[in-house]
């Protein structure tokens, strides 16, 4: 009875292991094909894109909007209110997390 269960478990594990190996080999093979294909066709496209200096007004507008949003986010993330830090220090969630850490260390 136990021997049958162990046999079925080992056969199932072997099948899963073989499927994972097949997936690994196929993904590796597809990555190799993609790298070879990408290296052959990209050199001419890069030189064409870098030499093109004509930008439309829509592209410039999009670039300026993106830049202004990025700068706006940078300013807002650098300022921390002291109230949020005080609330975090007095949080019961932090205390519970610290208790779990100490329990996990065996103390």
Protein backbone atom coordinates (compact mmCIF):
# COMPACT_ATOMS: atom_id res chain seq x y z
CA UNK A 1 0.00 0.00 0.00
CA UNK A 2 2.72 2.48 0.98
CA UNK A 3 4.92 1.17 -1.81
CA UNK A 4 2.21 1.92 -4.38
CA UNK A 5 1.89 5.48 -3.07
CA UNK A 6 5.63 6.02 -3.23
CA UNK A 7 5.73 4.59 -6.74
CA UNK A 8 2.97 6.91 -7.96
CA UNK A 9 4.66 9.88 -6.25
CA UNK A 10 8.00 9.16 -7.87
CA UNK A 11 6.45 8.67 -11.31
CA UNK A 12 4.57 11.98 -10.94
CA UNK A 13 7.69 13.81 -9.81
CA UNK A 14 9.66 12.34 -12.70
CA UNK A 15 7.04 13.48 -15.21
CA UNK A 16 6.97 17.00 -13.79
CA UNK A 17 10.78 17.12 -13.78
CA UNK A 18 10.95 16.01 -17.42
CA UNK A 19 8.36 18.61 -18.46
CA UNK A 20 10.38 21.32 -16.71
CA UNK A 21 13.55 20.20 -18.48
CA UNK A 22 11.74 20.27 -21.84
CA UNK A 23 10.50 23.80 -21.10
CA UNK A 24 13.99 24.92 -20.12
CA UNK A 25 15.53 23.53 -23.29
CA UNK A 26 12.82 25.02 -25.52
CA UNK A 27 13.06 28.48 -23.90
CA UNK A 28 16.85 28.43 -24.20
CA UNK A 29 16.60 27.39 -27.86
CA UNK A 30 14.08 30.14 -28.63
CA UNK A 31 16.28 32.73 -26.91
CA UNK A 32 19.25 31.66 -29.02
CA UNK A 33 17.20 31.96 -32.22
CA UNK A 34 15.93 35.37 -31.19
CA UNK A 35 19.43 36.66 -30.41
CA UNK A 36 20.79 35.49 -33.76
CA UNK A 37 17.88 37.08 -35.62
CA UNK A 38 18.18 40.33 -33.65
CA UNK A 39 21.91 40.77 -34.26
CA UNK A 40 21.66 40.41 -38.04
CA UNK A 41 18.94 43.03 -38.68
CA UNK A 42 19.55 45.73 -36.06
CA UNK A 43 22.75 47.45 -37.24
CA UNK A 44 21.20 49.27 -40.21
CA UNK A 45 18.09 50.30 -38.26
CA UNK A 46 20.15 51.88 -35.48
CA UNK A 47 22.17 54.04 -37.88
CA UNK A 48 18.98 55.20 -39.63
CA UNK A 49 17.27 56.18 -36.40
CA UNK A 50 20.24 58.04 -34.98
CA UNK A 51 20.74 60.10 -38.14
CA UNK A 52 17.09 61.24 -38.23
CA UNK A 53 16.97 64.62 -36.43
CA UNK A 54 13.62 65.84 -37.72
CA UNK A 55 11.16 65.77 -34.86
CA UNK A 56 7.52 66.62 -35.22
CA UNK A 57 5.86 69.07 -32.87
CA UNK A 58 3.83 66.20 -31.43
CA UNK A 59 6.98 64.29 -30.48
CA UNK A 60 8.52 67.37 -28.89
CA UNK A 61 5.33 68.08 -26.97
CA UNK A 62 5.21 64.51 -25.71
CA UNK A 63 8.84 64.71 -24.63
CA UNK A 64 8.27 67.99 -22.78
CA UNK A 65 5.18 66.67 -21.01
CA UNK A 66 7.06 63.54 -19.95
CA UNK A 67 9.97 65.61 -18.68
CA UNK A 68 7.73 67.93 -16.69
CA UNK A 69 5.87 64.99 -15.14
CA UNK A 70 9.14 63.30 -14.21
CA UNK A 71 10.48 66.47 -12.60
CA UNK A 72 7.19 67.00 -10.77
CA UNK A 73 7.28 63.46 -9.37
CA UNK A 74 10.88 63.90 -8.28
CA UNK A 75 10.04 67.02 -6.27
CA UNK A 76 7.04 65.43 -4.60
CA UNK A 77 8.86 62.23 -3.58
CA UNK A 78 11.77 64.03 -1.94
CA UNK A 79 9.57 65.75 0.64
CA UNK A 80 8.47 63.56 3.54
CA UNK A 81 6.17 64.82 6.21
CA UNK A 82 7.21 64.21 9.78
CA UNK A 83 3.62 63.20 10.61
CA UNK A 84 3.83 60.09 8.43
CA UNK A 85 7.09 59.05 10.10
CA UNK A 86 5.59 59.52 13.56
CA UNK A 87 2.50 57.52 12.59
CA UNK A 88 4.72 54.69 11.36
CA UNK A 89 6.74 54.66 14.59
CA UNK A 90 3.56 54.31 16.66
CA UNK A 91 1.93 51.76 14.37
CA UNK A 92 0.66 48.49 15.78
CA UNK A 93 1.49 46.82 12.45
CA UNK A 94 5.17 47.54 12.96
CA UNK A 95 5.09 46.08 16.46
CA UNK A 96 3.39 42.92 15.21
CA UNK A 97 6.00 42.55 12.47
CA UNK A 98 8.82 42.87 14.98
CA UNK A 99 7.21 40.25 17.21
CA UNK A 100 7.03 37.84 14.30
CA UNK A 101 10.71 38.40 13.57
CA UNK A 102 11.67 37.58 17.15
CA UNK A 103 9.45 34.47 17.17
CA UNK A 104 11.11 33.28 13.95
CA UNK A 105 14.57 33.55 15.54
CA UNK A 106 13.57 31.31 18.40
CA UNK A 107 13.58 34.08 21.00
